[in-house]
Amino acid sequence: MKNKRIIDICYSLIAFLAPLIAFISNSSSSLGFADAAEFALVSELNSIAHPPGFPAYVILSHHWSNLLEGIAGNHIQSLVLFSSFCGALSILILYRSICLLFDGEFLIVRSSALAAALSTAFGVTFWHWSHSIEVYALHSLSFSMLIYGMSGLQRSGNAAYALVAGAGIGTGIANHHLTMVLFLPLVVFWLMTQKNDGKYSRPFDLKRLFARNSLLMISTSIFFAVLYYSFMYLRASDELVFKFGNPDNLSRLWYHLSGGAWIKNTTASVSGLAGLRFPYFMQLTFEQTFIFLPVLLWGLWMFWTKRSHAFLTGVLVFYLVVLGYQLRIDQTSDTDAYMILPFQLFAIPIAAGLMAILKSKPKFIYLLPVMILIQIGINFKKTDARDLDVSESLMNMLDQSTPKGAVILISDWTLVSQYHYYRIAEGFRPDLIVLNYDLKFTHYR
């Protein structure tokens, strides 16, 4: 028993520290492309981000940066550490979730869970967004909390797991609500088909949705979501140096929550676009799972043969729904990040596949560290951002190409957001007036 406890502690430390070290080791101290500068600025000011606002990220990263003031060096480095910490913590929680889900020989279950969780951490997509200044690492943490809570309810029915799951849902909805909302029907499905309050009843029992733990999870998720968005609503009425829109009344708040001007990116589709984007997302799926792809397929087959249809349905349906959504929309920037949650869910069938292999071939356990190291070695270069100095190069070009007192109209959002950050946070070129081509985005007055 003591040896099991030691192994469990060591595996938990590896599940957290290995990703944390890897994420930090090839991160950049510069702001990246797209929304990185905007998120850096609104988190610095505790302000309002573009629709739907992402108040969970803004609030938590703001206080994180204040906590690390004088330690991290500057606000940008604090945010990189915040993403790395959230990403590593989500892998630890994912590992613990898999341990809750499966029964069997201790070492096989723990080793399979650790390898499956680390395979997620060192996939290209997850790794890239876990050291970027973006909302996705926090979102992966929220999702892991949800999976952990659901796994605990499956195992024991302890009310504490309902609270964790509810906090994950609420934080996810207040962070990147689209992908979390897409997963909620599967939460309902699992509640109706799995243990609730530690007991089984007939399949698809609607009464389980009104059981104590189900109601506790629902109320907790509503509490957290309303808490975060209430703060955004109140903060919008303050005079801030920069805020993206002004959701200070109910109609403007709803416009912000529903996507604002960005809604066109989620509703617009182009004929023939799905066929063009499909190979990219298949490559993305391969690069994320990489050497564990055959194990993933074997784990899905094991779910089918063992009649674990609820898990099989959940994993496949969620992946296909998010994939289908991505294939049809006319959106190019950071589109791969939407796949992070389905990729995290892949860890469950990967663990199932590994357990099946280890039961018949126990010596395969010695290959697991080799497989992880191969994945790290290949994907380290693919996710290496140490030389990605977007901020310095863009600000130097802007400084050298613009005379004093110029008014500049720019279509590239990366350059506009970078200027706003360095103008407000660092005092860069206050003589310039920089406007985005769509004035309502940043100059709503």
Protein backbone atom coordinates (compact mmCIF):
# COMPACT_ATOMS: atom_id res chain seq x y z
CA MET A 1 0.00 0.00 0.00
CA LYS A 2 2.84 2.39 0.87
CA ASN A 3 4.58 1.65 -2.44
CA LYS A 4 1.36 2.38 -4.32
CA ARG A 5 1.09 5.71 -2.57
CA ILE A 6 4.68 6.61 -3.48
CA ILE A 7 4.13 5.61 -7.10
CA ASP A 8 0.94 7.64 -7.28
CA ILE A 9 2.66 10.73 -5.88
CA CYS A 10 5.61 10.35 -8.27
CA TYR A 11 3.32 9.88 -11.27
CA SER A 12 1.28 12.93 -10.27
CA LEU A 13 4.44 15.03 -10.02
CA ILE A 14 5.57 13.84 -13.44
CA ALA A 15 2.12 14.59 -14.91
CA PHE A 16 2.44 18.20 -13.74
CA LEU A 17 6.15 19.02 -13.83
CA ALA A 18 7.09 17.39 -17.15
CA PRO A 19 4.56 19.46 -19.18
CA LEU A 20 5.28 22.61 -17.17
CA ILE A 21 9.02 22.40 -17.85
CA ALA A 22 8.46 21.54 -21.51
CA PHE A 23 5.99 24.40 -22.08
CA ILE A 24 8.25 26.99 -20.47
CA SER A 25 11.44 25.68 -22.09
CA ASN A 26 10.49 26.67 -25.64
CA SER A 27 8.16 29.60 -24.96
CA SER A 28 8.63 33.16 -26.20
CA SER A 29 8.91 36.33 -24.15
CA SER A 30 7.24 38.24 -27.01
CA LEU A 31 3.60 38.77 -27.77
CA GLY A 32 2.45 36.49 -30.57
CA PHE A 33 0.07 36.93 -33.47
CA ALA A 34 -3.67 37.58 -33.57
CA ASP A 35 -5.26 38.30 -30.16
CA ALA A 36 -2.18 37.88 -27.92
CA ALA A 37 -1.56 41.62 -27.50
CA GLU A 38 -5.24 42.32 -26.89
CA PHE A 39 -5.40 39.70 -24.12
CA ALA A 40 -2.17 41.05 -22.63
CA LEU A 41 -3.64 44.56 -22.58
CA VAL A 42 -7.09 43.75 -21.20
CA SER A 43 -5.59 41.50 -18.52
CA GLU A 44 -3.16 44.27 -17.57
CA LEU A 45 -6.05 46.74 -17.22
CA ASN A 46 -8.62 44.19 -15.97
CA SER A 47 -10.69 45.40 -18.90
CA ILE A 48 -13.05 43.99 -21.55
CA ALA A 49 -11.89 41.65 -24.31
CA HIS A 50 -13.54 41.17 -27.69
CA PRO A 51 -16.84 39.25 -27.73
CA PRO A 52 -17.80 37.15 -25.86
CA GLY A 53 -15.48 38.90 -23.40
CA PHE A 54 -13.60 35.93 -21.85
CA PRO A 55 -13.98 37.37 -18.32
CA ALA A 56 -12.64 34.22 -16.64
CA TYR A 57 -9.32 34.59 -18.44
CA VAL A 58 -9.16 38.36 -17.95
CA ILE A 59 -9.85 38.20 -14.20
CA LEU A 60 -7.70 35.19 -13.36
CA SER A 61 -4.71 36.22 -15.49
CA HIS A 62 -4.88 39.78 -14.10
CA HIS A 63 -4.63 38.58 -10.52
CA TRP A 64 -2.02 35.99 -11.47
CA SER A 65 0.16 38.72 -12.97
CA ASN A 66 -0.25 40.88 -9.87
CA LEU A 67 0.72 37.90 -7.73
CA LEU A 68 3.90 37.34 -9.75
CA GLU A 69 4.84 41.02 -9.91
CA GLY A 70 8.58 41.30 -9.34
CA ILE A 71 9.08 37.56 -9.93
CA ALA A 72 8.15 36.91 -13.55
CA GLY A 73 9.97 39.94 -14.96
CA ASN A 74 7.07 41.59 -16.77
CA HIS A 75 3.39 41.16 -17.58
CA ILE A 76 4.04 39.23 -20.81
CA GLN A 77 6.21 36.65 -19.07
CA SER A 78 3.59 36.35 -16.32
CA LEU A 79 0.96 35.48 -18.90
CA VAL A 80 3.20 32.89 -20.55
CA LEU A 81 3.68 31.30 -17.12
CA PHE A 82 -0.08 31.47 -16.53
CA SER A 83 -0.80 29.53 -19.72
CA SER A 84 1.98 27.01 -18.96
CA PHE A 85 0.68 26.50 -15.42
CA CYS A 86 -2.93 26.04 -16.59
CA GLY A 87 -1.83 23.61 -19.30
CA ALA A 88 0.31 21.54 -16.91
CA LEU A 89 -2.39 21.51 -14.23
CA SER A 90 -4.96 20.34 -16.76
CA ILE A 91 -2.70 17.38 -17.62
CA LEU A 92 -2.35 16.47 -13.94
CA ILE A 93 -6.13 16.58 -13.51
CA LEU A 94 -6.58 14.58 -16.72
CA TYR A 95 -4.26 11.92 -15.31
CA ARG A 96 -6.24 11.78 -12.06
CA SER A 97 -9.50 11.58 -14.04
CA ILE A 98 -8.36 8.52 -15.98
CA CYS A 99 -7.28 6.87 -12.73
CA LEU A 100 -10.82 7.34 -11.45
CA LEU A 101 -12.45 5.99 -14.59
CA PHE A 102 -10.74 2.60 -14.85
CA ASP A 103 -10.43 -0.42 -12.60
CA GLY A 104 -7.65 -2.97 -12.86
CA GLU A 105 -4.10 -3.72 -11.78
CA PHE A 106 -2.69 -0.64 -10.07
CA LEU A 107 0.54 -0.23 -12.06
CA ILE A 108 -1.15 -0.87 -15.40
CA VAL A 109 -3.90 1.67 -14.73
CA ARG A 110 -1.54 4.34 -13.39
CA SER A 111 1.07 3.87 -16.12
CA SER A 112 -1.54 3.91 -18.88
CA ALA A 113 -3.20 7.01 -17.39
CA LEU A 114 0.13 8.85 -17.15
CA ALA A 115 1.19 7.96 -20.69
CA ALA A 116 -2.22 8.94 -22.10
CA ALA A 117 -2.19 12.29 -20.27
CA LEU A 118 1.38 13.07 -21.37
CA SER A 119 0.55 12.10 -24.95
CA THR A 120 -2.01 14.92 -24.84
CA ALA A 121 0.43 17.41 -23.30
CA PHE A 122 3.11 16.78 -25.92
CA GLY A 123 0.83 16.83 -28.94
CA VAL A 124 1.51 19.77 -31.24
CA THR A 125 -1.79 21.61 -30.80
CA PHE A 126 -1.98 21.32 -27.03
CA TRP A 127 1.69 22.21 -26.56
CA HIS A 128 1.53 25.24 -28.86
CA TRP A 129 -1.39 26.84 -27.06
CA SER A 130 -0.05 26.00 -23.59
CA HIS A 131 2.71 28.58 -23.83
CA SER A 132 0.78 31.19 -25.83
CA ILE A 133 -0.89 34.29 -24.46
CA GLU A 134 -4.39 33.09 -25.20
CA VAL A 135 -7.46 31.72 -23.45
CA TYR A 136 -7.05 28.11 -24.53
CA ALA A 137 -4.78 26.80 -21.75
CA LEU A 138 -7.27 28.01 -19.13
CA HIS A 139 -10.02 26.44 -21.23
CA SER A 140 -8.24 23.08 -21.21
CA LEU A 141 -7.98 23.37 -17.43
CA SER A 142 -11.72 24.04 -17.17
CA PHE A 143 -12.44 21.02 -19.35
CA SER A 144 -10.16 18.79 -17.28
CA MET A 145 -12.02 19.90 -14.15
CA LEU A 146 -15.28 18.90 -15.81
CA ILE A 147 -13.91 15.49 -16.83
CA TYR A 148 -12.47 14.95 -13.35
CA GLY A 149 -15.77 15.81 -11.69
CA MET A 150 -17.73 13.53 -14.01
CA SER A 151 -15.20 10.73 -13.45
CA GLY A 152 -15.51 11.12 -9.68
CA LEU A 153 -19.30 11.00 -9.86
CA GLN A 154 -18.98 7.84 -11.92
CA ARG A 155 -16.71 6.32 -9.27
CA SER A 156 -18.25 7.34 -5.95
CA GLY A 157 -21.01 9.90 -6.26
CA ASN A 158 -19.24 12.23 -3.80
CA ALA A 159 -20.78 15.71 -3.93
CA ALA A 160 -17.31 17.34 -4.06
CA TYR A 161 -16.92 16.01 -7.60
CA ALA A 162 -20.14 17.74 -8.64
CA LEU A 163 -18.71 21.02 -7.34
CA VAL A 164 -15.49 20.56 -9.32
CA ALA A 165 -17.38 19.69 -12.50
CA GLY A 166 -19.70 22.68 -12.04
CA ALA A 167 -16.77 25.04 -11.49
CA GLY A 168 -15.17 23.70 -14.68
CA ILE A 169 -18.34 24.23 -16.71
CA GLY A 170 -18.93 27.73 -15.33
CA THR A 171 -15.33 28.84 -15.89
CA GLY A 172 -15.34 27.33 -19.39
CA ILE A 173 -18.57 29.10 -20.33
CA ALA A 174 -17.10 32.40 -19.08
CA ASN A 175 -13.90 31.75 -21.01
CA HIS A 176 -14.45 30.19 -24.46
CA HIS A 177 -18.10 29.36 -24.24
CA LEU A 178 -18.66 27.94 -27.73
CA THR A 179 -16.68 24.70 -27.32
CA MET A 180 -17.88 24.22 -23.74
CA VAL A 181 -21.52 24.68 -24.78
CA LEU A 182 -21.03 22.16 -27.60
CA PHE A 183 -19.97 19.61 -24.99
CA LEU A 184 -22.89 20.16 -22.61
CA PRO A 185 -25.32 17.80 -24.42
CA LEU A 186 -22.79 15.03 -23.81
CA VAL A 187 -22.68 15.93 -20.12
CA VAL A 188 -26.44 15.45 -20.03
CA PHE A 189 -26.07 12.16 -21.94
CA TRP A 190 -23.46 10.87 -19.49
CA LEU A 191 -25.52 11.92 -16.49
CA MET A 192 -28.39 9.85 -17.84
CA THR A 193 -26.29 6.75 -18.59
CA GLN A 194 -23.70 6.58 -15.79
CA LYS A 195 -23.68 6.35 -12.02
CA ASN A 196 -25.29 9.17 -10.12
CA ASP A 197 -24.92 9.47 -6.37
CA GLY A 198 -22.84 6.29 -6.54
CA LYS A 199 -25.70 4.08 -7.74
CA TYR A 200 -26.91 2.66 -11.05
CA SER A 201 -30.46 2.69 -12.31
CA ARG A 202 -31.95 1.92 -15.70
CA PRO A 203 -30.21 3.49 -18.77
CA PHE A 204 -31.25 6.94 -19.99
CA ASP A 205 -33.14 7.70 -16.81
CA LEU A 206 -34.33 11.30 -17.02
CA LYS A 207 -34.69 11.37 -13.22
CA ARG A 208 -30.88 11.37 -12.90
CA LEU A 209 -30.83 14.95 -14.20
CA PHE A 210 -32.73 15.96 -11.06
CA ALA A 211 -30.63 13.96 -8.64
CA ARG A 212 -28.78 15.81 -5.89
CA ASN A 213 -25.37 15.79 -7.55
CA SER A 214 -26.74 16.76 -10.96
CA LEU A 215 -28.54 19.77 -9.52
CA LEU A 216 -25.45 20.70 -7.49
CA MET A 217 -23.29 20.60 -10.62
CA ILE A 218 -25.78 22.67 -12.61
CA SER A 219 -26.18 25.31 -9.90
CA THR A 220 -22.41 25.57 -9.39
CA SER A 221 -21.81 26.06 -13.10
CA ILE A 222 -24.46 28.80 -13.25
CA PHE A 223 -22.95 30.49 -10.19
CA PHE A 224 -19.44 30.68 -11.67
CA ALA A 225 -20.60 31.76 -15.13
CA VAL A 226 -22.82 34.51 -13.71
CA LEU A 227 -20.07 35.61 -11.31
CA TYR A 228 -17.51 36.13 -14.06
CA TYR A 229 -19.89 37.83 -16.47
CA SER A 230 -21.34 40.05 -13.73
CA PHE A 231 -17.86 41.37 -13.11
CA MET A 232 -17.47 42.10 -16.83
CA TYR A 233 -20.84 43.86 -16.87
CA LEU A 234 -19.92 46.06 -13.90
CA ARG A 235 -16.42 46.73 -15.21
CA ALA A 236 -17.81 47.89 -18.57
CA SER A 237 -19.33 50.97 -16.94
CA ASP A 238 -15.88 52.19 -15.80
CA GLU A 239 -13.83 54.62 -17.85
CA LEU A 240 -10.93 52.46 -18.99
CA VAL A 241 -8.02 53.34 -21.22
CA PHE A 242 -8.93 50.45 -23.52
CA LYS A 243 -11.91 48.14 -23.69
CA PHE A 244 -13.31 46.17 -26.57
CA GLY A 245 -16.84 47.38 -26.86
CA ASN A 246 -19.02 48.66 -24.05
CA PRO A 247 -21.37 45.94 -22.70
CA ASP A 248 -22.71 48.14 -19.90
CA ASN A 249 -26.42 47.54 -20.46
CA LEU A 250 -28.39 44.37 -21.08
CA SER A 251 -28.77 44.76 -24.85
CA ARG A 252 -25.07 45.49 -25.39
CA LEU A 253 -24.17 42.74 -22.93
CA TRP A 254 -26.19 40.23 -24.94
CA TYR A 255 -24.60 41.48 -28.16
CA HIS A 256 -21.19 40.91 -26.58
CA LEU A 257 -22.07 37.47 -25.22
CA SER A 258 -23.50 36.32 -28.55
CA GLY A 259 -20.29 37.11 -30.39
CA GLY A 260 -20.78 40.71 -31.50
CA ALA A 261 -19.24 41.51 -34.86
CA TRP A 262 -17.29 38.24 -34.65
CA ILE A 263 -20.50 36.25 -35.13
CA LYS A 264 -19.91 36.42 -38.86
CA ASN A 265 -16.86 34.17 -38.38
CA THR A 266 -19.02 31.46 -36.82
CA THR A 267 -21.94 31.67 -39.24
CA ALA A 268 -20.28 32.41 -42.58
CA SER A 269 -19.45 29.42 -44.74
CA VAL A 270 -17.89 29.17 -48.19
CA SER A 271 -18.79 26.61 -50.81
CA GLY A 272 -16.10 23.95 -51.14
CA LEU A 273 -14.28 25.14 -48.03
CA ALA A 274 -14.78 21.90 -46.10
CA GLY A 275 -12.94 19.89 -48.73
CA LEU A 276 -10.02 22.30 -48.64
CA ARG A 277 -9.76 22.32 -44.85
CA PHE A 278 -10.30 18.60 -44.24
CA PRO A 279 -6.70 17.50 -45.02
CA TYR A 280 -5.35 20.16 -42.65
CA PHE A 281 -7.46 18.93 -39.75
CA MET A 282 -6.57 15.31 -40.44
CA GLN A 283 -2.91 16.31 -40.31
CA LEU A 284 -3.64 18.22 -37.11
CA THR A 285 -5.23 15.13 -35.55
CA PHE A 286 -2.25 13.00 -36.55
CA GLU A 287 0.29 15.52 -35.19
CA GLN A 288 -1.60 15.74 -31.89
CA THR A 289 -1.85 11.98 -31.33
CA PHE A 290 1.23 11.04 -33.41
CA ILE A 291 2.81 7.81 -32.15
CA PHE A 292 -0.27 7.08 -29.99
CA LEU A 293 -2.73 7.14 -32.92
CA PRO A 294 -2.83 3.30 -33.28
CA VAL A 295 -3.39 3.05 -29.51
CA LEU A 296 -6.23 5.56 -29.77
CA LEU A 297 -7.93 3.49 -32.49
CA TRP A 298 -7.44 0.33 -30.45
CA GLY A 299 -8.94 2.01 -27.39
CA LEU A 300 -12.02 3.09 -29.37
CA TRP A 301 -12.39 -0.51 -30.54
CA MET A 302 -12.11 -1.71 -26.93
CA PHE A 303 -14.96 0.63 -25.96
CA TRP A 304 -17.05 -0.93 -28.70
CA THR A 305 -16.31 -4.55 -27.85
CA LYS A 306 -16.81 -4.00 -24.12
CA ARG A 307 -20.07 -2.15 -24.77
CA SER A 308 -18.85 1.08 -23.21
CA HIS A 309 -20.99 2.89 -25.73
CA ALA A 310 -21.49 6.02 -23.65
CA PHE A 311 -17.76 6.78 -23.68
CA LEU A 312 -17.39 5.81 -27.33
CA THR A 313 -20.31 8.03 -28.33
CA GLY A 314 -19.05 10.95 -26.26
CA VAL A 315 -15.52 10.89 -27.65
CA LEU A 316 -16.48 10.45 -31.29
CA VAL A 317 -19.50 12.75 -31.36
CA PHE A 318 -17.68 15.64 -29.70
CA TYR A 319 -14.70 15.31 -32.04
CA LEU A 320 -16.93 15.16 -35.12
CA VAL A 321 -19.13 18.07 -34.01
CA VAL A 322 -16.18 20.39 -33.41
CA LEU A 323 -14.47 19.16 -36.57
CA GLY A 324 -17.62 19.75 -38.63
CA TYR A 325 -17.96 23.23 -37.17
CA GLN A 326 -14.36 24.03 -38.07
CA LEU A 327 -14.59 22.66 -41.60
CA ARG A 328 -17.46 24.89 -42.64
CA ILE A 329 -16.46 28.30 -41.27
CA ASP A 330 -14.45 30.95 -43.06
CA GLN A 331 -11.95 31.49 -40.29
CA THR A 332 -8.20 31.04 -40.47
CA SER A 333 -6.54 32.43 -37.33
CA ASP A 334 -6.02 30.10 -34.32
CA THR A 335 -8.68 27.77 -35.70
CA ASP A 336 -6.75 24.69 -34.58
CA ALA A 337 -7.15 25.70 -30.92
CA TYR A 338 -10.85 24.82 -31.04
CA MET A 339 -9.81 21.16 -31.32
CA ILE A 340 -8.01 21.13 -27.96
CA LEU A 341 -11.00 19.84 -25.98
CA PRO A 342 -11.72 16.88 -28.30
CA PHE A 343 -8.01 16.09 -28.29
CA GLN A 344 -8.04 16.03 -24.49
CA LEU A 345 -10.94 13.61 -24.57
CA PHE A 346 -8.82 11.28 -26.75
CA ALA A 347 -6.71 10.55 -23.65
CA ILE A 348 -9.48 8.29 -22.32
CA PRO A 349 -9.52 5.79 -25.23
CA ILE A 350 -5.70 6.03 -25.46
CA ALA A 351 -5.54 4.91 -21.82
CA ALA A 352 -8.04 2.11 -22.53
CA GLY A 353 -5.95 0.92 -25.47
CA LEU A 354 -2.75 0.97 -23.41
CA MET A 355 -4.37 -1.01 -20.61
CA ALA A 356 -5.54 -3.67 -23.06
CA ILE A 357 -2.01 -3.94 -24.50
CA LEU A 358 -0.33 -4.05 -21.09
CA LYS A 359 -2.63 -6.81 -19.85
CA SER A 360 -1.52 -9.12 -22.66
CA LYS A 361 2.05 -7.81 -23.01
CA PRO A 362 3.24 -6.46 -19.63
CA LYS A 363 6.74 -5.68 -20.89
CA PHE A 364 5.25 -3.04 -23.20
CA ILE A 365 5.27 -0.78 -20.14
CA TYR A 366 8.98 -0.15 -20.74
CA LEU A 367 8.20 1.31 -24.16
CA LEU A 368 5.86 3.97 -22.78
CA PRO A 369 8.65 6.39 -21.68
CA VAL A 370 10.34 5.87 -25.06
CA MET A 371 7.13 6.76 -26.91
CA ILE A 372 6.70 9.91 -24.82
CA LEU A 373 10.33 10.95 -25.36
CA ILE A 374 9.99 10.45 -29.12
CA GLN A 375 6.89 12.65 -29.13
CA ILE A 376 8.69 15.32 -27.08
CA GLY A 377 11.77 15.23 -29.31
CA ILE A 378 9.83 15.67 -32.55
CA ASN A 379 7.23 18.17 -31.34
CA PHE A 380 9.66 20.38 -29.38
CA LYS A 381 10.87 21.92 -32.65
CA LYS A 382 7.37 22.23 -34.06
CA THR A 383 6.22 24.21 -31.03
CA ASP A 384 9.46 26.14 -30.44
CA ALA A 385 8.61 29.84 -30.07
CA ARG A 386 11.85 31.09 -28.51
CA ASP A 387 12.87 33.01 -31.64
CA LEU A 388 9.37 34.23 -32.44
CA ASP A 389 9.91 37.90 -31.63
CA VAL A 390 6.79 39.34 -33.20
CA SER A 391 6.54 42.37 -30.91
CA GLU A 392 10.02 43.83 -31.42
CA SER A 393 10.00 43.42 -35.19
CA LEU A 394 6.52 44.91 -35.65
CA MET A 395 7.10 47.86 -33.35
CA ASN A 396 10.47 48.61 -34.97
CA MET A 397 8.90 48.63 -38.43
CA LEU A 398 6.04 50.82 -37.25
CA ASP A 399 8.44 53.24 -35.56
CA GLN A 400 10.75 53.53 -38.56
CA SER A 401 8.01 53.89 -41.19
CA THR A 402 5.77 56.53 -39.56
CA PRO A 403 6.51 60.25 -39.10
CA LYS A 404 5.70 62.04 -35.87
CA GLY A 405 2.02 62.80 -35.33
CA ALA A 406 0.82 60.42 -38.05
CA VAL A 407 -2.68 58.99 -38.25
CA ILE A 408 -2.52 55.37 -39.42
CA LEU A 409 -5.32 53.13 -40.66
CA ILE A 410 -4.27 49.46 -40.40
CA SER A 411 -6.13 46.31 -41.43
CA ASP A 412 -3.86 43.81 -39.67
CA TRP A 413 -5.25 43.14 -36.19
CA THR A 414 -1.94 41.81 -34.86
CA LEU A 415 -0.18 45.11 -35.57
CA VAL A 416 -3.05 47.22 -34.24
CA SER A 417 -3.33 45.25 -30.99
CA GLN A 418 0.45 45.20 -30.54
CA TYR A 419 0.58 48.99 -30.87
CA HIS A 420 -2.21 49.47 -28.33
CA TYR A 421 -0.45 47.26 -25.81
CA TYR A 422 2.93 48.94 -26.15
CA ARG A 423 1.41 52.43 -26.31
CA ILE A 424 -0.63 51.96 -23.10
CA ALA A 425 1.55 49.53 -21.13
CA GLU A 426 5.01 50.67 -22.26
CA GLY A 427 4.49 54.29 -23.43
CA PHE A 428 5.49 53.54 -27.04
CA ARG A 429 4.96 56.36 -29.61
CA PRO A 430 2.15 58.32 -27.93
CA ASP A 431 2.25 60.77 -30.86
CA LEU A 432 0.61 58.25 -33.21
CA ILE A 433 -3.10 57.67 -33.78
CA VAL A 434 -3.54 54.05 -34.87
CA LEU A 435 -6.98 52.95 -36.06
CA ASN A 436 -8.24 49.55 -37.04
CA TYR A 437 -9.92 49.45 -40.44
CA ASP A 438 -13.20 48.57 -38.73
CA LEU A 439 -13.56 51.53 -36.38
CA LYS A 440 -16.42 50.08 -34.34
CA PHE A 441 -14.11 47.37 -32.96
CA THR A 442 -11.69 49.58 -31.06
CA HIS A 443 -13.21 53.07 -31.31
CA TYR A 444 -16.85 52.42 -30.57
CA ARG A 445 -17.54 56.04 -29.59
